[in-house]
């Protein structure tokens, strides 16, 4: 994610976003991801925000590295128990066979559509055999900014499933819903869990 306006919103609203995200610890998607990763496994929280989900994973016994491009978010994540937090972008994910799981919960939706195939390919490469990948996005088509100025790329369920397959990832589980975001508007979403082929 390199959109300056989006990064600026998250920098300005880091503490507010952290308070808004407290409920993530009760998210069924997070619990399902933790169960899917091998016990004691190594995971990456890609676009970790304030690190609340990362801390929950660490408390469940996983070894967690959390990255985010916003320094204010990294500072919050670094305070969390058991979390190694680093400032980095999606483009900084390189290497092979590094993680048993990658969690990208409503983070990659800020990447331009043209970059998504490359990001997913790098995630698949970074996963170990049978590693699990979680992705959450808002559903729809096109790209547009919300009322706060954040840039979103919207995907349909089928489009995202196809992109994951092209990257070498097999979707086995999914969930859909509709929730209110930080900007106060309701949005439809889809979460997919996929495994490295």
N, C-alpha and C. Protein backbone atom coordinates (compact mmCIF):
# COMPACT_ATOMS: atom_id res chain seq x y z
N UNK A 1 0.85 -1.18 0.00
CA UNK A 1 0.00 0.00 0.00
C UNK A 1 0.88 1.23 0.00
N UNK A 2 0.75 2.05 -1.03
CA UNK A 2 1.61 3.22 -1.12
C UNK A 2 0.81 4.50 -1.30
N UNK A 3 -0.50 4.45 -1.14
CA UNK A 3 -1.32 5.63 -1.31
C UNK A 3 -1.14 6.57 -0.11
N UNK A 4 -0.55 7.74 -0.33
CA UNK A 4 -0.23 8.63 0.80
C UNK A 4 -1.46 9.05 1.60
N UNK A 5 -2.58 9.27 0.93
CA UNK A 5 -3.77 9.70 1.65
C UNK A 5 -4.29 8.61 2.58
N UNK A 6 -4.28 7.37 2.11
CA UNK A 6 -4.72 6.25 2.94
C UNK A 6 -3.79 6.09 4.15
N UNK A 7 -2.49 6.12 3.90
CA UNK A 7 -1.53 6.00 5.00
C UNK A 7 -1.71 7.13 6.01
N UNK A 8 -1.98 8.32 5.51
CA UNK A 8 -2.17 9.47 6.39
C UNK A 8 -3.38 9.33 7.28
N UNK A 9 -4.46 8.77 6.74
CA UNK A 9 -5.67 8.56 7.55
C UNK A 9 -5.36 7.60 8.69
N UNK A 10 -4.68 6.50 8.39
CA UNK A 10 -4.36 5.53 9.44
C UNK A 10 -3.38 6.10 10.46
N UNK A 11 -2.47 6.94 10.03
CA UNK A 11 -1.55 7.58 10.97
C UNK A 11 -2.30 8.50 11.92
N UNK A 12 -3.21 9.31 11.36
CA UNK A 12 -3.96 10.27 12.17
C UNK A 12 -4.94 9.59 13.12
N UNK A 13 -5.46 8.43 12.70
CA UNK A 13 -6.52 7.77 13.46
C UNK A 13 -6.05 6.46 14.10
N UNK A 14 -4.76 6.32 14.34
CA UNK A 14 -4.23 5.06 14.85
C UNK A 14 -4.90 4.65 16.16
N UNK A 15 -5.00 5.56 17.11
CA UNK A 15 -5.58 5.21 18.40
C UNK A 15 -7.08 4.93 18.28
N UNK A 16 -7.77 5.74 17.47
CA UNK A 16 -9.19 5.51 17.25
C UNK A 16 -9.43 4.16 16.58
N UNK A 17 -8.58 3.83 15.62
CA UNK A 17 -8.71 2.55 14.93
C UNK A 17 -8.45 1.39 15.89
N UNK A 18 -7.49 1.56 16.79
CA UNK A 18 -7.20 0.52 17.79
C UNK A 18 -8.42 0.28 18.67
N UNK A 19 -9.06 1.34 19.10
CA UNK A 19 -10.25 1.19 19.94
C UNK A 19 -11.40 0.55 19.15
N UNK A 20 -11.53 0.92 17.89
CA UNK A 20 -12.56 0.37 17.02
C UNK A 20 -12.37 -1.13 16.81
N UNK A 21 -11.11 -1.57 16.82
CA UNK A 21 -10.79 -2.97 16.50
C UNK A 21 -10.69 -3.90 17.70
N UNK A 22 -11.03 -3.43 18.87
CA UNK A 22 -10.93 -4.29 20.06
C UNK A 22 -11.73 -5.57 19.91
N UNK A 23 -12.84 -5.52 19.19
CA UNK A 23 -13.72 -6.69 19.09
C UNK A 23 -13.15 -7.80 18.21
N UNK A 24 -12.02 -7.56 17.54
CA UNK A 24 -11.44 -8.58 16.66
C UNK A 24 -11.12 -9.86 17.42
N UNK A 25 -10.86 -9.75 18.72
CA UNK A 25 -10.49 -10.94 19.50
C UNK A 25 -11.63 -11.96 19.56
N UNK A 26 -12.86 -11.50 19.31
CA UNK A 26 -14.00 -12.43 19.29
C UNK A 26 -14.41 -12.86 17.89
N UNK A 27 -13.63 -12.47 16.89
CA UNK A 27 -13.97 -12.75 15.50
C UNK A 27 -13.85 -14.23 15.18
N UNK A 28 -14.93 -14.88 14.71
CA UNK A 28 -14.85 -16.30 14.35
C UNK A 28 -13.80 -16.58 13.28
N UNK A 29 -13.56 -15.61 12.39
CA UNK A 29 -12.54 -15.81 11.34
C UNK A 29 -11.14 -15.91 11.94
N UNK A 30 -10.87 -15.09 12.93
CA UNK A 30 -9.57 -15.15 13.61
C UNK A 30 -9.39 -16.48 14.34
N UNK A 31 -10.44 -16.93 15.00
CA UNK A 31 -10.35 -18.20 15.72
C UNK A 31 -10.18 -19.38 14.76
N UNK A 32 -10.86 -19.31 13.62
CA UNK A 32 -10.72 -20.38 12.62
C UNK A 32 -9.31 -20.40 12.03
N UNK A 33 -8.74 -19.22 11.82
CA UNK A 33 -7.38 -19.14 11.30
C UNK A 33 -6.39 -19.74 12.30
N UNK A 34 -6.54 -19.39 13.56
CA UNK A 34 -5.64 -19.92 14.59
C UNK A 34 -5.72 -21.45 14.64
N UNK A 35 -6.93 -21.99 14.54
CA UNK A 35 -7.11 -23.45 14.55
C UNK A 35 -6.48 -24.09 13.32
N UNK A 36 -6.48 -23.37 12.20
CA UNK A 36 -5.97 -23.93 10.95
C UNK A 36 -4.45 -23.98 10.89
N UNK A 37 -3.80 -23.09 11.64
CA UNK A 37 -2.33 -23.06 11.66
C UNK A 37 -1.84 -24.15 12.61
N UNK A 38 -0.76 -24.82 12.25
CA UNK A 38 -0.26 -25.89 13.12
C UNK A 38 0.13 -25.31 14.48
N UNK A 39 -0.06 -26.06 15.55
CA UNK A 39 0.25 -25.56 16.89
C UNK A 39 1.70 -25.06 16.98
N UNK A 40 1.85 -23.88 17.55
CA UNK A 40 3.18 -23.31 17.70
C UNK A 40 3.77 -22.78 16.42
N UNK A 41 2.95 -22.70 15.36
CA UNK A 41 3.44 -22.28 14.05
C UNK A 41 3.84 -20.81 13.98
N UNK A 42 4.52 -20.48 12.89
CA UNK A 42 4.98 -19.13 12.64
C UNK A 42 4.02 -18.45 11.69
N UNK A 43 3.55 -17.25 12.08
CA UNK A 43 2.58 -16.55 11.25
C UNK A 43 3.02 -15.10 11.01
N UNK A 44 2.51 -14.57 9.91
CA UNK A 44 2.71 -13.17 9.56
C UNK A 44 1.37 -12.48 9.56
N UNK A 45 1.27 -11.37 10.30
CA UNK A 45 0.10 -10.50 10.23
C UNK A 45 0.45 -9.38 9.26
N UNK A 46 -0.09 -9.46 8.06
CA UNK A 46 0.27 -8.56 6.96
C UNK A 46 -0.68 -7.37 6.94
N UNK A 47 -0.17 -6.21 7.33
CA UNK A 47 -1.02 -5.04 7.51
C UNK A 47 -1.70 -5.13 8.86
N UNK A 48 -0.88 -5.21 9.90
CA UNK A 48 -1.34 -5.59 11.24
C UNK A 48 -2.12 -4.51 11.96
N UNK A 49 -2.05 -3.26 11.49
CA UNK A 49 -2.71 -2.20 12.24
C UNK A 49 -2.15 -2.13 13.66
N UNK A 50 -3.01 -1.97 14.66
CA UNK A 50 -2.53 -1.82 16.03
C UNK A 50 -2.10 -3.12 16.71
N UNK A 51 -2.19 -4.25 16.00
CA UNK A 51 -1.64 -5.50 16.51
C UNK A 51 -2.54 -6.29 17.44
N UNK A 52 -3.81 -5.97 17.47
CA UNK A 52 -4.73 -6.66 18.39
C UNK A 52 -4.90 -8.12 17.99
N UNK A 53 -5.11 -8.38 16.70
CA UNK A 53 -5.22 -9.77 16.23
C UNK A 53 -3.91 -10.51 16.41
N UNK A 54 -2.80 -9.82 16.16
CA UNK A 54 -1.47 -10.44 16.31
C UNK A 54 -1.25 -10.88 17.74
N UNK A 55 -1.63 -10.05 18.70
CA UNK A 55 -1.46 -10.42 20.11
C UNK A 55 -2.33 -11.62 20.45
N UNK A 56 -3.55 -11.67 19.91
CA UNK A 56 -4.44 -12.80 20.18
C UNK A 56 -3.82 -14.09 19.64
N UNK A 57 -3.21 -14.01 18.46
CA UNK A 57 -2.53 -15.19 17.89
C UNK A 57 -1.36 -15.60 18.77
N UNK A 58 -0.61 -14.63 19.25
CA UNK A 58 0.55 -14.94 20.10
C UNK A 58 0.10 -15.61 21.40
N UNK A 59 -0.97 -15.12 21.97
CA UNK A 59 -1.48 -15.71 23.21
C UNK A 59 -2.00 -17.12 22.99
N UNK A 60 -2.33 -17.44 21.73
CA UNK A 60 -2.77 -18.81 21.38
C UNK A 60 -1.57 -19.73 21.11
N UNK A 61 -0.36 -19.20 21.27
CA UNK A 61 0.83 -20.03 21.13
C UNK A 61 1.54 -19.95 19.81
N UNK A 62 1.09 -19.05 18.92
CA UNK A 62 1.75 -18.90 17.63
C UNK A 62 2.90 -17.89 17.73
N UNK A 63 3.89 -18.05 16.85
CA UNK A 63 5.01 -17.11 16.78
C UNK A 63 4.66 -16.06 15.73
N UNK A 64 4.48 -14.81 16.16
CA UNK A 64 3.87 -13.80 15.30
C UNK A 64 4.83 -12.68 14.93
N UNK A 65 4.96 -12.47 13.62
CA UNK A 65 5.58 -11.26 13.10
C UNK A 65 4.48 -10.42 12.50
N UNK A 66 4.47 -9.13 12.84
CA UNK A 66 3.42 -8.23 12.37
C UNK A 66 4.06 -7.07 11.62
N UNK A 67 3.56 -6.78 10.42
CA UNK A 67 4.11 -5.67 9.66
C UNK A 67 3.00 -4.72 9.23
N UNK A 68 3.36 -3.44 9.15
CA UNK A 68 2.42 -2.41 8.71
C UNK A 68 3.25 -1.24 8.19
N UNK A 69 2.76 -0.53 7.16
CA UNK A 69 3.53 0.59 6.63
C UNK A 69 3.41 1.87 7.44
N UNK A 70 2.49 1.91 8.41
CA UNK A 70 2.23 3.14 9.17
C UNK A 70 2.99 3.09 10.50
N UNK A 71 3.94 3.99 10.72
CA UNK A 71 4.74 3.95 11.96
C UNK A 71 3.90 3.99 13.23
N UNK A 72 2.82 4.77 13.21
CA UNK A 72 1.98 4.86 14.40
C UNK A 72 1.31 3.53 14.73
N UNK A 73 0.96 2.77 13.71
CA UNK A 73 0.39 1.43 13.93
C UNK A 73 1.45 0.46 14.43
N UNK A 74 2.63 0.53 13.86
CA UNK A 74 3.72 -0.36 14.29
C UNK A 74 4.06 -0.11 15.76
N UNK A 75 4.04 1.15 16.17
CA UNK A 75 4.33 1.48 17.57
C UNK A 75 3.31 0.85 18.50
N UNK A 76 2.04 0.87 18.11
CA UNK A 76 1.01 0.23 18.93
C UNK A 76 1.17 -1.28 18.94
N UNK A 77 1.44 -1.86 17.78
CA UNK A 77 1.59 -3.32 17.68
C UNK A 77 2.80 -3.81 18.48
N UNK A 78 3.85 -3.01 18.50
CA UNK A 78 5.08 -3.41 19.21
C UNK A 78 4.87 -3.50 20.72
N UNK A 79 3.83 -2.87 21.21
CA UNK A 79 3.53 -2.92 22.65
C UNK A 79 2.79 -4.19 23.05
N UNK A 80 2.35 -4.95 22.05
CA UNK A 80 1.52 -6.12 22.34
C UNK A 80 2.38 -7.32 22.73
N UNK A 81 1.85 -8.09 23.66
CA UNK A 81 2.54 -9.26 24.20
C UNK A 81 2.84 -10.28 23.11
N UNK A 82 4.10 -10.69 22.99
CA UNK A 82 4.48 -11.77 22.09
C UNK A 82 4.55 -11.40 20.63
N UNK A 83 4.44 -10.10 20.29
CA UNK A 83 4.39 -9.68 18.89
C UNK A 83 5.69 -8.98 18.49
N UNK A 84 6.29 -9.44 17.40
CA UNK A 84 7.42 -8.75 16.79
C UNK A 84 6.86 -7.88 15.68
N UNK A 85 6.90 -6.56 15.86
CA UNK A 85 6.30 -5.64 14.90
C UNK A 85 7.37 -4.88 14.14
N UNK A 86 7.16 -4.75 12.84
CA UNK A 86 8.11 -4.06 11.97
C UNK A 86 7.37 -3.17 10.99
N UNK A 87 7.99 -2.04 10.64
CA UNK A 87 7.41 -1.19 9.60
C UNK A 87 7.82 -1.74 8.25
N UNK A 88 6.85 -2.12 7.45
CA UNK A 88 7.11 -2.70 6.13
C UNK A 88 5.82 -2.64 5.32
N UNK A 89 5.96 -2.71 4.01
CA UNK A 89 4.80 -2.68 3.12
C UNK A 89 4.58 -4.06 2.51
N UNK A 90 3.51 -4.20 1.76
CA UNK A 90 3.24 -5.47 1.07
C UNK A 90 4.41 -5.84 0.16
N UNK A 91 5.03 -4.85 -0.44
CA UNK A 91 6.13 -5.10 -1.37
C UNK A 91 7.38 -5.65 -0.68
N UNK A 92 7.45 -5.51 0.64
CA UNK A 92 8.62 -5.99 1.37
C UNK A 92 8.55 -7.47 1.71
N UNK A 93 7.43 -8.11 1.41
CA UNK A 93 7.30 -9.54 1.68
C UNK A 93 8.03 -10.33 0.59
N UNK A 94 9.16 -10.89 0.96
CA UNK A 94 9.95 -11.70 0.05
C UNK A 94 10.39 -12.96 0.79
N UNK A 95 10.87 -13.92 0.05
CA UNK A 95 11.36 -15.15 0.65
C UNK A 95 10.40 -16.29 0.44
N UNK A 96 10.89 -17.50 0.73
CA UNK A 96 10.09 -18.71 0.53
C UNK A 96 10.07 -19.56 1.78
N UNK A 97 8.95 -20.27 1.95
CA UNK A 97 8.80 -21.24 3.06
C UNK A 97 9.09 -20.62 4.42
N UNK A 98 8.52 -19.44 4.68
CA UNK A 98 8.81 -18.72 5.92
C UNK A 98 7.74 -18.90 6.99
N UNK A 99 6.49 -19.06 6.58
CA UNK A 99 5.37 -18.99 7.52
C UNK A 99 4.43 -20.19 7.37
N UNK A 100 3.84 -20.57 8.50
CA UNK A 100 2.79 -21.58 8.49
C UNK A 100 1.42 -20.94 8.25
N UNK A 101 1.35 -19.62 8.40
CA UNK A 101 0.11 -18.90 8.13
C UNK A 101 0.39 -17.44 7.85
N UNK A 102 -0.43 -16.86 7.00
CA UNK A 102 -0.40 -15.41 6.74
C UNK A 102 -1.82 -14.89 6.90
N UNK A 103 -1.94 -13.87 7.72
CA UNK A 103 -3.23 -13.24 8.03
C UNK A 103 -3.23 -11.85 7.40
N UNK A 104 -4.11 -11.63 6.43
CA UNK A 104 -4.23 -10.32 5.77
C UNK A 104 -5.70 -9.90 5.85
N UNK A 105 -6.07 -9.40 7.01
CA UNK A 105 -7.48 -9.12 7.30
C UNK A 105 -7.81 -7.67 6.97
N UNK A 106 -8.46 -7.46 5.84
CA UNK A 106 -8.87 -6.12 5.41
C UNK A 106 -7.68 -5.16 5.32
N UNK A 107 -6.59 -5.68 4.77
CA UNK A 107 -5.40 -4.86 4.53
C UNK A 107 -5.09 -4.79 3.04
N UNK A 108 -5.08 -5.94 2.38
CA UNK A 108 -4.75 -5.96 0.95
C UNK A 108 -5.79 -5.24 0.09
N UNK A 109 -6.96 -4.94 0.65
CA UNK A 109 -7.96 -4.20 -0.11
C UNK A 109 -7.53 -2.76 -0.38
N UNK A 110 -6.43 -2.33 0.26
CA UNK A 110 -5.89 -1.00 -0.02
C UNK A 110 -4.84 -1.02 -1.13
N UNK A 111 -4.47 -2.20 -1.61
CA UNK A 111 -3.50 -2.30 -2.71
C UNK A 111 -4.21 -2.08 -4.04
N UNK A 112 -3.54 -1.48 -5.01
CA UNK A 112 -4.14 -1.36 -6.34
C UNK A 112 -4.44 -2.73 -6.93
N UNK A 113 -5.52 -2.84 -7.68
CA UNK A 113 -5.93 -4.12 -8.28
C UNK A 113 -4.80 -4.74 -9.11
N UNK A 114 -4.07 -3.89 -9.86
CA UNK A 114 -3.01 -4.40 -10.73
C UNK A 114 -1.89 -5.08 -9.93
N UNK A 115 -1.76 -4.73 -8.64
CA UNK A 115 -0.69 -5.30 -7.81
C UNK A 115 -1.10 -6.58 -7.09
N UNK A 116 -2.39 -6.86 -7.04
CA UNK A 116 -2.85 -8.00 -6.25
C UNK A 116 -2.27 -9.34 -6.71
N UNK A 117 -2.19 -9.64 -8.01
CA UNK A 117 -1.60 -10.93 -8.40
C UNK A 117 -0.16 -11.08 -7.89
N UNK A 118 0.61 -10.02 -7.95
CA UNK A 118 2.00 -10.09 -7.47
C UNK A 118 2.05 -10.30 -5.96
N UNK A 119 1.21 -9.58 -5.23
CA UNK A 119 1.20 -9.75 -3.77
C UNK A 119 0.80 -11.16 -3.38
N UNK A 120 -0.22 -11.70 -4.05
CA UNK A 120 -0.68 -13.05 -3.71
C UNK A 120 0.37 -14.10 -4.07
N UNK A 121 1.08 -13.89 -5.17
CA UNK A 121 2.15 -14.82 -5.54
C UNK A 121 3.25 -14.82 -4.48
N UNK A 122 3.59 -13.63 -3.97
CA UNK A 122 4.63 -13.53 -2.94
C UNK A 122 4.18 -14.16 -1.63
N UNK A 123 2.88 -14.01 -1.31
CA UNK A 123 2.34 -14.64 -0.10
C UNK A 123 2.40 -16.16 -0.23
N UNK A 124 1.98 -16.68 -1.39
CA UNK A 124 2.02 -18.13 -1.60
C UNK A 124 3.44 -18.65 -1.47
N UNK A 125 4.41 -17.92 -2.01
CA UNK A 125 5.81 -18.34 -1.92
C UNK A 125 6.30 -18.32 -0.47
N UNK A 126 5.82 -17.35 0.31
CA UNK A 126 6.27 -17.22 1.70
C UNK A 126 5.66 -18.27 2.61
N UNK A 127 4.57 -18.90 2.17
CA UNK A 127 3.95 -19.95 2.97
C UNK A 127 4.72 -21.26 2.84
N UNK A 128 4.78 -21.99 3.94
CA UNK A 128 5.33 -23.34 3.91
C UNK A 128 4.28 -24.28 3.32
N UNK A 129 4.69 -25.47 2.90
CA UNK A 129 3.70 -26.44 2.39
C UNK A 129 2.57 -26.63 3.40
N UNK A 130 1.35 -26.62 2.89
CA UNK A 130 0.13 -26.71 3.70
C UNK A 130 -0.12 -25.50 4.58
N UNK A 131 0.62 -24.41 4.32
CA UNK A 131 0.38 -23.17 5.05
C UNK A 131 -0.96 -22.57 4.66
N UNK A 132 -1.55 -21.82 5.60
CA UNK A 132 -2.89 -21.27 5.39
C UNK A 132 -2.82 -19.74 5.27
N UNK A 133 -3.64 -19.23 4.36
CA UNK A 133 -3.72 -17.80 4.12
C UNK A 133 -5.14 -17.33 4.34
N UNK A 134 -5.29 -16.28 5.14
CA UNK A 134 -6.59 -15.64 5.36
C UNK A 134 -6.56 -14.27 4.71
N UNK A 135 -7.60 -13.97 3.93
CA UNK A 135 -7.76 -12.65 3.35
C UNK A 135 -9.19 -12.18 3.55
N UNK A 136 -9.34 -10.94 3.96
CA UNK A 136 -10.64 -10.31 4.07
C UNK A 136 -10.67 -9.06 3.22
N UNK A 137 -11.71 -8.89 2.41
CA UNK A 137 -11.87 -7.70 1.58
C UNK A 137 -13.33 -7.27 1.59
N UNK A 138 -13.55 -6.03 1.20
CA UNK A 138 -14.91 -5.57 0.96
C UNK A 138 -15.31 -6.00 -0.45
N UNK A 139 -16.54 -6.43 -0.60
CA UNK A 139 -16.97 -6.95 -1.90
C UNK A 139 -17.59 -5.85 -2.77
N UNK A 140 -17.39 -6.04 -4.06
CA UNK A 140 -17.91 -5.08 -5.02
C UNK A 140 -17.01 -5.04 -6.24
N UNK A 141 -17.07 -3.95 -6.96
CA UNK A 141 -16.23 -3.78 -8.15
C UNK A 141 -15.61 -2.39 -8.13
N UNK A 142 -14.50 -2.26 -8.84
CA UNK A 142 -13.87 -0.96 -8.99
C UNK A 142 -13.00 -0.56 -7.82
N UNK A 143 -12.57 0.70 -7.86
CA UNK A 143 -11.77 1.30 -6.80
C UNK A 143 -12.38 2.66 -6.46
N UNK A 144 -12.43 2.99 -5.17
CA UNK A 144 -12.92 4.30 -4.78
C UNK A 144 -12.52 4.60 -3.34
N UNK A 145 -12.61 5.87 -2.98
CA UNK A 145 -12.27 6.30 -1.63
C UNK A 145 -13.51 6.33 -0.75
N UNK A 146 -13.30 6.05 0.54
CA UNK A 146 -14.41 6.18 1.48
C UNK A 146 -14.48 7.63 1.96
N UNK A 147 -15.39 7.89 2.88
CA UNK A 147 -15.59 9.27 3.34
C UNK A 147 -14.41 9.81 4.13
N UNK A 148 -13.52 8.92 4.60
CA UNK A 148 -12.31 9.36 5.31
C UNK A 148 -11.15 9.62 4.35
N UNK A 149 -11.32 9.18 3.10
CA UNK A 149 -10.26 9.39 2.11
C UNK A 149 -9.41 8.16 1.84
N UNK A 150 -9.74 7.03 2.47
CA UNK A 150 -8.97 5.80 2.23
C UNK A 150 -9.35 5.21 0.88
N UNK A 151 -8.35 4.77 0.14
CA UNK A 151 -8.57 4.16 -1.17
C UNK A 151 -8.81 2.66 -1.00
N UNK A 152 -9.92 2.18 -1.58
CA UNK A 152 -10.28 0.76 -1.51
C UNK A 152 -10.35 0.16 -2.91
N UNK A 153 -9.89 -1.08 -3.02
CA UNK A 153 -10.11 -1.90 -4.21
C UNK A 153 -11.11 -2.98 -3.82
N UNK A 154 -12.21 -3.06 -4.55
CA UNK A 154 -13.27 -4.01 -4.25
C UNK A 154 -13.17 -5.23 -5.15
N UNK A 155 -13.49 -6.40 -4.60
CA UNK A 155 -13.42 -7.66 -5.34
C UNK A 155 -14.70 -8.44 -5.15
N UNK A 156 -15.07 -9.21 -6.17
CA UNK A 156 -16.15 -10.18 -6.00
C UNK A 156 -15.54 -11.47 -5.44
N UNK A 157 -16.39 -12.29 -4.86
CA UNK A 157 -15.96 -13.58 -4.32
C UNK A 157 -15.27 -14.40 -5.40
N UNK A 158 -15.89 -14.50 -6.58
CA UNK A 158 -15.32 -15.32 -7.66
C UNK A 158 -14.00 -14.75 -8.17
N UNK A 159 -13.92 -13.43 -8.28
CA UNK A 159 -12.68 -12.81 -8.76
C UNK A 159 -11.53 -13.11 -7.80
N UNK A 160 -11.79 -12.96 -6.51
CA UNK A 160 -10.74 -13.18 -5.53
C UNK A 160 -10.34 -14.65 -5.48
N UNK A 161 -11.32 -15.55 -5.57
CA UNK A 161 -11.01 -16.98 -5.59
C UNK A 161 -10.12 -17.32 -6.78
N UNK A 162 -10.41 -16.73 -7.94
CA UNK A 162 -9.60 -16.96 -9.12
C UNK A 162 -8.19 -16.43 -8.97
N UNK A 163 -8.04 -15.27 -8.37
CA UNK A 163 -6.71 -14.70 -8.14
C UNK A 163 -5.89 -15.58 -7.21
N UNK A 164 -6.54 -16.11 -6.19
CA UNK A 164 -5.84 -17.01 -5.26
C UNK A 164 -5.41 -18.29 -5.97
N UNK A 165 -6.29 -18.84 -6.80
CA UNK A 165 -5.95 -20.05 -7.55
C UNK A 165 -4.77 -19.79 -8.47
N UNK A 166 -4.76 -18.65 -9.13
CA UNK A 166 -3.66 -18.30 -10.03
C UNK A 166 -2.33 -18.20 -9.28
N UNK A 167 -2.41 -17.85 -8.00
CA UNK A 167 -1.19 -17.72 -7.18
C UNK A 167 -0.74 -19.05 -6.60
N UNK A 168 -1.54 -20.12 -6.80
CA UNK A 168 -1.19 -21.41 -6.25
C UNK A 168 -1.80 -21.70 -4.90
N UNK A 169 -2.92 -21.06 -4.61
CA UNK A 169 -3.61 -21.22 -3.34
C UNK A 169 -5.02 -21.76 -3.57
N UNK A 170 -5.43 -22.72 -2.77
CA UNK A 170 -6.73 -23.35 -2.92
C UNK A 170 -7.66 -22.91 -1.81
N UNK A 171 -8.76 -22.26 -2.17
CA UNK A 171 -9.75 -21.80 -1.19
C UNK A 171 -10.57 -22.99 -0.72
N UNK A 172 -10.63 -23.16 0.60
CA UNK A 172 -11.42 -24.25 1.17
C UNK A 172 -12.53 -23.77 2.10
N UNK A 173 -12.41 -22.53 2.58
CA UNK A 173 -13.39 -22.01 3.52
C UNK A 173 -13.65 -20.54 3.21
N UNK A 174 -14.89 -20.12 3.44
CA UNK A 174 -15.21 -18.72 3.23
C UNK A 174 -16.33 -18.28 4.16
N UNK A 175 -16.43 -16.99 4.33
CA UNK A 175 -17.52 -16.40 5.10
C UNK A 175 -17.84 -15.04 4.51
N UNK A 176 -19.09 -14.64 4.62
CA UNK A 176 -19.50 -13.33 4.14
C UNK A 176 -20.26 -12.61 5.25
N UNK A 177 -20.36 -11.31 5.11
CA UNK A 177 -21.08 -10.53 6.10
C UNK A 177 -21.21 -9.09 5.69
N UNK A 178 -21.73 -8.30 6.61
CA UNK A 178 -21.93 -6.87 6.39
C UNK A 178 -21.73 -6.18 7.72
N UNK A 179 -20.81 -5.24 7.76
CA UNK A 179 -20.48 -4.56 9.01
C UNK A 179 -20.20 -3.09 8.76
N UNK A 180 -20.24 -2.34 9.85
CA UNK A 180 -19.94 -0.92 9.80
C UNK A 180 -18.44 -0.72 10.00
N UNK A 181 -17.84 0.09 9.15
CA UNK A 181 -16.41 0.36 9.23
C UNK A 181 -16.10 1.59 10.03
N UNK A 182 -14.83 1.96 10.05
CA UNK A 182 -14.36 3.12 10.79
C UNK A 182 -15.04 4.40 10.29
N UNK A 183 -15.43 4.41 9.03
CA UNK A 183 -16.08 5.60 8.47
C UNK A 183 -17.57 5.65 8.79
N UNK A 184 -18.07 4.64 9.49
CA UNK A 184 -19.47 4.64 9.91
C UNK A 184 -20.46 4.12 8.90
N UNK A 185 -19.98 3.64 7.75
CA UNK A 185 -20.90 3.12 6.73
C UNK A 185 -20.85 1.60 6.68
N UNK A 186 -21.99 1.00 6.35
CA UNK A 186 -22.08 -0.45 6.23
C UNK A 186 -21.48 -0.90 4.90
N UNK A 187 -20.76 -2.01 4.94
CA UNK A 187 -20.15 -2.56 3.73
C UNK A 187 -20.20 -4.08 3.77
N UNK A 188 -20.44 -4.68 2.61
CA UNK A 188 -20.40 -6.14 2.49
C UNK A 188 -18.95 -6.60 2.40
N UNK A 189 -18.67 -7.78 2.93
CA UNK A 189 -17.31 -8.30 2.91
C UNK A 189 -17.30 -9.81 2.67
N UNK A 190 -16.13 -10.29 2.29
CA UNK A 190 -15.90 -11.73 2.19
C UNK A 190 -14.54 -12.04 2.79
N UNK A 191 -14.46 -13.13 3.52
CA UNK A 191 -13.19 -13.66 4.03
C UNK A 191 -12.99 -15.05 3.44
N UNK A 192 -11.79 -15.28 2.93
CA UNK A 192 -11.45 -16.59 2.36
C UNK A 192 -10.26 -17.16 3.09
N UNK A 193 -10.27 -18.46 3.31
CA UNK A 193 -9.11 -19.17 3.82
C UNK A 193 -8.65 -20.13 2.73
N UNK A 194 -7.37 -20.02 2.39
CA UNK A 194 -6.81 -20.82 1.31
C UNK A 194 -5.52 -21.46 1.76
N UNK A 195 -5.21 -22.59 1.17
CA UNK A 195 -4.00 -23.33 1.52
C UNK A 195 -3.05 -23.36 0.34
N UNK A 196 -1.78 -23.37 0.66
CA UNK A 196 -0.77 -23.47 -0.41
C UNK A 196 -0.82 -24.85 -1.04
N UNK A 197 -0.83 -24.89 -2.34
CA UNK A 197 -0.87 -26.16 -3.08
C UNK A 197 0.44 -26.93 -2.92
